[in-house]
PDB file of all heavy atoms in Angstrom:
ATOM      1  N   GLY A   1      -9.711   6.980  -3.976  1.00  0.00           N
ATOM      2  CA  GLY A   1     -10.152   5.668  -3.653  1.00  0.00           C
ATOM      3  C   GLY A   1      -9.490   4.666  -4.581  1.00  0.00           C
ATOM      4  O   GLY A   1      -9.770   4.678  -5.800  1.00  0.00           O
ATOM      5  N   ALA A   2      -8.578   3.841  -4.062  1.00  0.00           N
ATOM      6  CA  ALA A   2      -7.751   2.993  -4.895  1.00  0.00           C
ATOM      7  C   ALA A   2      -8.629   1.879  -5.493  1.00  0.00           C
ATOM      8  O   ALA A   2      -9.653   1.413  -4.924  1.00  0.00           O
ATOM      9  CB  ALA A   2      -6.600   2.397  -4.113  1.00  0.00           C
ATOM     10  N   PRO A   3      -8.210   1.435  -6.757  1.00  0.00           N
ATOM     11  CA  PRO A   3      -8.914   0.201  -7.261  1.00  0.00           C
ATOM     12  C   PRO A   3      -8.664  -0.983  -6.316  1.00  0.00           C
ATOM     13  O   PRO A   3      -7.799  -0.891  -5.418  1.00  0.00           O
ATOM     14  CB  PRO A   3      -8.169   0.053  -8.585  1.00  0.00           C
ATOM     15  CG  PRO A   3      -7.651   1.349  -8.952  1.00  0.00           C
ATOM     16  CD  PRO A   3      -7.294   1.957  -7.633  1.00  0.00           C
ATOM     17  N   GLU A   4      -9.333  -2.091  -6.563  1.00  0.00           N
ATOM     18  CA  GLU A   4      -9.137  -3.215  -5.745  1.00  0.00           C
ATOM     19  C   GLU A   4      -7.685  -3.749  -5.748  1.00  0.00           C
ATOM     20  O   GLU A   4      -7.230  -4.203  -4.703  1.00  0.00           O
ATOM     21  CB  GLU A   4     -10.048  -4.391  -6.234  1.00  0.00           C
ATOM     22  CG  GLU A   4      -9.986  -5.645  -5.357  1.00  0.00           C
ATOM     23  CD  GLU A   4     -10.942  -6.655  -5.891  1.00  0.00           C
ATOM     24  OE1 GLU A   4     -11.823  -6.410  -6.757  1.00  0.00           O
ATOM     25  OE2 GLU A   4     -10.857  -7.887  -5.387  1.00  0.00           O
ATOM     26  N   THR A   5      -7.024  -3.655  -6.888  1.00  0.00           N
ATOM     27  CA  THR A   5      -5.586  -4.068  -6.971  1.00  0.00           C
ATOM     28  C   THR A   5      -4.783  -2.947  -7.495  1.00  0.00           C
ATOM     29  O   THR A   5      -5.078  -2.316  -8.548  1.00  0.00           O
ATOM     30  CB  THR A   5      -5.531  -5.279  -7.898  1.00  0.00           C
ATOM     31  OG1 THR A   5      -6.387  -6.343  -7.418  1.00  0.00           O
ATOM     32  CG2 THR A   5      -4.076  -5.842  -7.910  1.00  0.00           C
ATOM     33  N   VAL A   6      -3.703  -2.636  -6.766  1.00  0.00           N
ATOM     34  CA  VAL A   6      -2.744  -1.610  -7.090  1.00  0.00           C
ATOM     35  C   VAL A   6      -1.408  -2.232  -7.123  1.00  0.00           C
ATOM     36  O   VAL A   6      -0.960  -2.880  -6.177  1.00  0.00           O
ATOM     37  CB  VAL A   6      -2.769  -0.380  -6.086  1.00  0.00           C
ATOM     38  CG1 VAL A   6      -1.683   0.576  -6.408  1.00  0.00           C
ATOM     39  CG2 VAL A   6      -4.178   0.289  -6.196  1.00  0.00           C
ATOM     40  N   VAL A   7      -0.604  -2.028  -8.205  1.00  0.00           N
ATOM     41  CA  VAL A   7       0.756  -2.518  -8.324  1.00  0.00           C
ATOM     42  C   VAL A   7       1.717  -1.343  -8.466  1.00  0.00           C
ATOM     43  O   VAL A   7       1.553  -0.579  -9.433  1.00  0.00           O
ATOM     44  CB  VAL A   7       0.905  -3.418  -9.511  1.00  0.00           C
ATOM     45  CG1 VAL A   7       2.354  -3.951  -9.683  1.00  0.00           C
ATOM     46  CG2 VAL A   7      -0.065  -4.625  -9.436  1.00  0.00           C
ATOM     47  N   PHE A   8       2.656  -1.292  -7.523  1.00  0.00           N
ATOM     48  CA  PHE A   8       3.725  -0.241  -7.705  1.00  0.00           C
ATOM     49  C   PHE A   8       4.833  -0.916  -8.512  1.00  0.00           C
ATOM     50  O   PHE A   8       5.636  -1.649  -8.028  1.00  0.00           O
ATOM     51  CB  PHE A   8       4.256   0.159  -6.337  1.00  0.00           C
ATOM     52  CG  PHE A   8       3.446   1.345  -5.717  1.00  0.00           C
ATOM     53  CD1 PHE A   8       2.271   1.089  -5.107  1.00  0.00           C
ATOM     54  CD2 PHE A   8       3.889   2.630  -5.786  1.00  0.00           C
ATOM     55  CE1 PHE A   8       1.485   2.074  -4.542  1.00  0.00           C
ATOM     56  CE2 PHE A   8       3.168   3.724  -5.207  1.00  0.00           C
ATOM     57  CZ  PHE A   8       2.008   3.452  -4.666  1.00  0.00           C
ATOM     58  N   HIS A   9       4.846  -0.538  -9.835  1.00  0.00           N
ATOM     59  CA  HIS A   9       5.874  -1.032 -10.722  1.00  0.00           C
ATOM     60  C   HIS A   9       7.251  -0.416 -10.307  1.00  0.00           C
ATOM     61  O   HIS A   9       7.329   0.711  -9.943  1.00  0.00           O
ATOM     62  CB  HIS A   9       5.493  -0.622 -12.138  1.00  0.00           C
ATOM     63  CG  HIS A   9       6.553  -0.026 -12.939  1.00  0.00           C
ATOM     64  ND1 HIS A   9       7.667  -0.760 -13.386  1.00  0.00           N
ATOM     65  CD2 HIS A   9       6.643   1.184 -13.473  1.00  0.00           C
ATOM     66  CE1 HIS A   9       8.436   0.061 -14.147  1.00  0.00           C
ATOM     67  NE2 HIS A   9       7.809   1.280 -14.188  1.00  0.00           N
ATOM     68  N   CYS A  10       8.262  -1.305 -10.358  1.00  0.00           N
ATOM     69  CA  CYS A  10       9.585  -0.818  -9.973  1.00  0.00           C
ATOM     70  C   CYS A  10       9.598  -0.067  -8.727  1.00  0.00           C
ATOM     71  O   CYS A  10      10.031   1.177  -8.701  1.00  0.00           O
ATOM     72  CB  CYS A  10      10.300  -0.045 -11.190  1.00  0.00           C
ATOM     73  SG  CYS A  10      12.002   0.213 -10.968  1.00  0.00           S
ATOM     74  N   PHE A  11       9.088  -0.668  -7.697  1.00  0.00           N
ATOM     75  CA  PHE A  11       9.003   0.097  -6.427  1.00  0.00           C
ATOM     76  C   PHE A  11      10.364   0.717  -6.047  1.00  0.00           C
ATOM     77  O   PHE A  11      11.405   0.116  -6.170  1.00  0.00           O
ATOM     78  CB  PHE A  11       8.549  -0.861  -5.259  1.00  0.00           C
ATOM     79  CG  PHE A  11       8.386  -0.175  -3.993  1.00  0.00           C
ATOM     80  CD1 PHE A  11       7.243   0.509  -3.775  1.00  0.00           C
ATOM     81  CD2 PHE A  11       9.334  -0.269  -2.982  1.00  0.00           C
ATOM     82  CE1 PHE A  11       7.044   1.185  -2.511  1.00  0.00           C
ATOM     83  CE2 PHE A  11       9.178   0.363  -1.781  1.00  0.00           C
ATOM     84  CZ  PHE A  11       8.032   1.106  -1.512  1.00  0.00           C
ATOM     85  N   SER A  12      10.214   2.062  -5.633  1.00  0.00           N
ATOM     86  CA  SER A  12      11.439   2.812  -5.388  1.00  0.00           C
ATOM     87  C   SER A  12      11.461   3.553  -4.029  1.00  0.00           C
ATOM     88  O   SER A  12      12.329   4.354  -3.765  1.00  0.00           O
ATOM     89  CB  SER A  12      11.636   3.821  -6.479  1.00  0.00           C
ATOM     90  OG  SER A  12      10.546   4.692  -6.592  1.00  0.00           O
ATOM     91  N   GLY A  13      10.476   3.189  -3.197  1.00  0.00           N
ATOM     92  CA  GLY A  13      10.386   3.841  -1.909  1.00  0.00           C
ATOM     93  C   GLY A  13      11.239   3.212  -0.827  1.00  0.00           C
ATOM     94  O   GLY A  13      11.992   2.209  -1.086  1.00  0.00           O
ATOM     95  N   ASP A  14      11.157   3.756   0.332  1.00  0.00           N
ATOM     96  CA  ASP A  14      11.936   3.267   1.464  1.00  0.00           C
ATOM     97  C   ASP A  14      11.098   2.289   2.267  1.00  0.00           C
ATOM     98  O   ASP A  14       9.938   2.004   1.923  1.00  0.00           O
ATOM     99  CB  ASP A  14      12.503   4.334   2.350  1.00  0.00           C
ATOM    100  CG  ASP A  14      11.410   5.248   2.927  1.00  0.00           C
ATOM    101  OD1 ASP A  14      10.269   4.915   2.860  1.00  0.00           O
ATOM    102  OD2 ASP A  14      11.800   6.300   3.492  1.00  0.00           O
ATOM    103  N   ALA A  15      11.630   1.798   3.396  1.00  0.00           N
ATOM    104  CA  ALA A  15      10.928   0.838   4.271  1.00  0.00           C
ATOM    105  C   ALA A  15       9.630   1.368   4.746  1.00  0.00           C
ATOM    106  O   ALA A  15       8.604   0.660   4.815  1.00  0.00           O
ATOM    107  CB  ALA A  15      11.832   0.341   5.369  1.00  0.00           C
ATOM    108  N   ALA A  16       9.599   2.673   5.176  1.00  0.00           N
ATOM    109  CA  ALA A  16       8.360   3.266   5.714  1.00  0.00           C
ATOM    110  C   ALA A  16       7.320   3.289   4.639  1.00  0.00           C
ATOM    111  O   ALA A  16       6.122   2.941   4.929  1.00  0.00           O
ATOM    112  CB  ALA A  16       8.729   4.634   6.180  1.00  0.00           C
ATOM    113  N   MET A  17       7.617   3.673   3.425  1.00  0.00           N
ATOM    114  CA  MET A  17       6.641   3.620   2.349  1.00  0.00           C
ATOM    115  C   MET A  17       6.171   2.185   2.072  1.00  0.00           C
ATOM    116  O   MET A  17       4.976   2.003   1.858  1.00  0.00           O
ATOM    117  CB  MET A  17       7.195   4.284   1.087  1.00  0.00           C
ATOM    118  CG  MET A  17       6.133   4.331   0.003  1.00  0.00           C
ATOM    119  SD  MET A  17       6.791   5.104  -1.553  1.00  0.00           S
ATOM    120  CE  MET A  17       5.418   4.923  -2.638  1.00  0.00           C
ATOM    121  N   ALA A  18       7.115   1.276   2.110  1.00  0.00           N
ATOM    122  CA  ALA A  18       6.731  -0.134   1.879  1.00  0.00           C
ATOM    123  C   ALA A  18       5.717  -0.629   2.865  1.00  0.00           C
ATOM    124  O   ALA A  18       4.783  -1.298   2.523  1.00  0.00           O
ATOM    125  CB  ALA A  18       7.990  -1.038   1.792  1.00  0.00           C
ATOM    126  N   ARG A  19       5.917  -0.164   4.133  1.00  0.00           N
ATOM    127  CA  ARG A  19       4.926  -0.584   5.163  1.00  0.00           C
ATOM    128  C   ARG A  19       3.602   0.048   4.900  1.00  0.00           C
ATOM    129  O   ARG A  19       2.541  -0.599   5.054  1.00  0.00           O
ATOM    130  CB  ARG A  19       5.506  -0.160   6.506  1.00  0.00           C
ATOM    131  CG  ARG A  19       6.666  -0.985   7.018  1.00  0.00           C
ATOM    132  CD  ARG A  19       6.965  -0.655   8.455  1.00  0.00           C
ATOM    133  NE  ARG A  19       8.286  -1.149   8.802  1.00  0.00           N
ATOM    134  CZ  ARG A  19       9.480  -0.448   8.750  1.00  0.00           C
ATOM    135  NH1 ARG A  19       9.366   0.809   8.418  1.00  0.00           N
ATOM    136  NH2 ARG A  19      10.610  -0.992   8.973  1.00  0.00           N
ATOM    137  N   GLU A  20       3.555   1.308   4.530  1.00  0.00           N
ATOM    138  CA  GLU A  20       2.331   2.020   4.222  1.00  0.00           C
ATOM    139  C   GLU A  20       1.602   1.295   3.015  1.00  0.00           C
ATOM    140  O   GLU A  20       0.367   1.102   3.094  1.00  0.00           O
ATOM    141  CB  GLU A  20       2.543   3.461   3.896  1.00  0.00           C
ATOM    142  CG  GLU A  20       1.259   4.249   3.687  1.00  0.00           C
ATOM    143  CD  GLU A  20       1.507   5.765   3.580  1.00  0.00           C
ATOM    144  OE1 GLU A  20       2.579   6.256   3.841  1.00  0.00           O
ATOM    145  OE2 GLU A  20       0.440   6.445   3.224  1.00  0.00           O
ATOM    146  N   CYS A  21       2.350   0.940   2.039  1.00  0.00           N
ATOM    147  CA  CYS A  21       1.696   0.281   0.886  1.00  0.00           C
ATOM    148  C   CYS A  21       1.269  -1.097   1.326  1.00  0.00           C
ATOM    149  O   CYS A  21       0.093  -1.520   0.953  1.00  0.00           O
ATOM    150  CB  CYS A  21       2.757   0.168  -0.245  1.00  0.00           C
ATOM    151  SG  CYS A  21       3.131   1.739  -1.019  1.00  0.00           S
ATOM    152  N   ALA A  22       2.015  -1.863   2.036  1.00  0.00           N
ATOM    153  CA  ALA A  22       1.591  -3.196   2.426  1.00  0.00           C
ATOM    154  C   ALA A  22       0.378  -3.149   3.309  1.00  0.00           C
ATOM    155  O   ALA A  22      -0.513  -3.999   3.118  1.00  0.00           O
ATOM    156  CB  ALA A  22       2.735  -3.907   3.185  1.00  0.00           C
ATOM    157  N   ASP A  23       0.330  -2.182   4.224  1.00  0.00           N
ATOM    158  CA  ASP A  23      -0.869  -2.012   5.039  1.00  0.00           C
ATOM    159  C   ASP A  23      -2.101  -1.714   4.225  1.00  0.00           C
ATOM    160  O   ASP A  23      -3.241  -2.112   4.671  1.00  0.00           O
ATOM    161  CB  ASP A  23      -0.638  -0.877   6.061  1.00  0.00           C
ATOM    162  CG  ASP A  23       0.364  -1.222   7.161  1.00  0.00           C
ATOM    163  OD1 ASP A  23       0.646  -2.456   7.300  1.00  0.00           O
ATOM    164  OD2 ASP A  23       0.831  -0.371   7.878  1.00  0.00           O
ATOM    165  N   ALA A  24      -1.981  -1.051   3.120  1.00  0.00           N
ATOM    166  CA  ALA A  24      -3.041  -0.764   2.185  1.00  0.00           C
ATOM    167  C   ALA A  24      -3.420  -1.914   1.265  1.00  0.00           C
ATOM    168  O   ALA A  24      -4.394  -1.844   0.475  1.00  0.00           O
ATOM    169  CB  ALA A  24      -2.756   0.507   1.436  1.00  0.00           C
ATOM    170  N   GLY A  25      -2.552  -2.971   1.280  1.00  0.00           N
ATOM    171  CA  GLY A  25      -2.772  -4.086   0.358  1.00  0.00           C
ATOM    172  C   GLY A  25      -2.254  -3.923  -1.024  1.00  0.00           C
ATOM    173  O   GLY A  25      -2.580  -4.716  -1.925  1.00  0.00           O
ATOM    174  N   TYR A  26      -1.383  -2.879  -1.213  1.00  0.00           N
ATOM    175  CA  TYR A  26      -0.735  -2.647  -2.533  1.00  0.00           C
ATOM    176  C   TYR A  26       0.294  -3.624  -2.818  1.00  0.00           C
ATOM    177  O   TYR A  26       1.049  -4.067  -1.916  1.00  0.00           O
ATOM    178  CB  TYR A  26      -0.210  -1.267  -2.669  1.00  0.00           C
ATOM    179  CG  TYR A  26      -1.198  -0.124  -2.386  1.00  0.00           C
ATOM    180  CD1 TYR A  26      -0.712   1.182  -1.990  1.00  0.00           C
ATOM    181  CD2 TYR A  26      -2.589  -0.259  -2.577  1.00  0.00           C
ATOM    182  CE1 TYR A  26      -1.607   2.152  -1.732  1.00  0.00           C
ATOM    183  CE2 TYR A  26      -3.407   0.695  -2.321  1.00  0.00           C
ATOM    184  CZ  TYR A  26      -2.979   1.991  -1.951  1.00  0.00           C
ATOM    185  OH  TYR A  26      -3.892   2.995  -1.669  1.00  0.00           O
ATOM    186  N   VAL A  27       0.448  -3.982  -4.018  1.00  0.00           N
ATOM    187  CA  VAL A  27       1.464  -5.052  -4.490  1.00  0.00           C
ATOM    188  C   VAL A  27       2.699  -4.251  -4.915  1.00  0.00           C
ATOM    189  O   VAL A  27       2.628  -3.280  -5.674  1.00  0.00           O
ATOM    190  CB  VAL A  27       0.930  -5.886  -5.625  1.00  0.00           C
ATOM    191  CG1 VAL A  27       2.012  -6.861  -6.150  1.00  0.00           C
ATOM    192  CG2 VAL A  27      -0.329  -6.604  -5.254  1.00  0.00           C
ATOM    193  N   LEU A  28       3.856  -4.734  -4.455  1.00  0.00           N
ATOM    194  CA  LEU A  28       5.069  -4.045  -4.765  1.00  0.00           C
ATOM    195  C   LEU A  28       5.933  -4.956  -5.715  1.00  0.00           C
ATOM    196  O   LEU A  28       6.169  -6.149  -5.403  1.00  0.00           O
ATOM    197  CB  LEU A  28       5.924  -3.856  -3.518  1.00  0.00           C
ATOM    198  CG  LEU A  28       5.233  -3.036  -2.361  1.00  0.00           C
ATOM    199  CD1 LEU A  28       6.154  -2.726  -1.242  1.00  0.00           C
ATOM    200  CD2 LEU A  28       4.559  -1.793  -2.913  1.00  0.00           C
ATOM    201  N   SER A  29       6.292  -4.388  -6.862  1.00  0.00           N
ATOM    202  CA  SER A  29       7.057  -5.139  -7.851  1.00  0.00           C
ATOM    203  C   SER A  29       8.458  -4.606  -7.871  1.00  0.00           C
ATOM    204  O   SER A  29       8.719  -3.410  -8.046  1.00  0.00           O
ATOM    205  CB  SER A  29       6.361  -4.943  -9.212  1.00  0.00           C
ATOM    206  OG  SER A  29       7.002  -5.706 -10.211  1.00  0.00           O
TER     207      SER A  29
END
């Protein structure tokens, strides 16, 4: 169960992972 705010530091995933993270409300740095 993720905390209210999650930041992926130095995001290194692809577009599919970025969509999954964005859908979950994670912040991409």
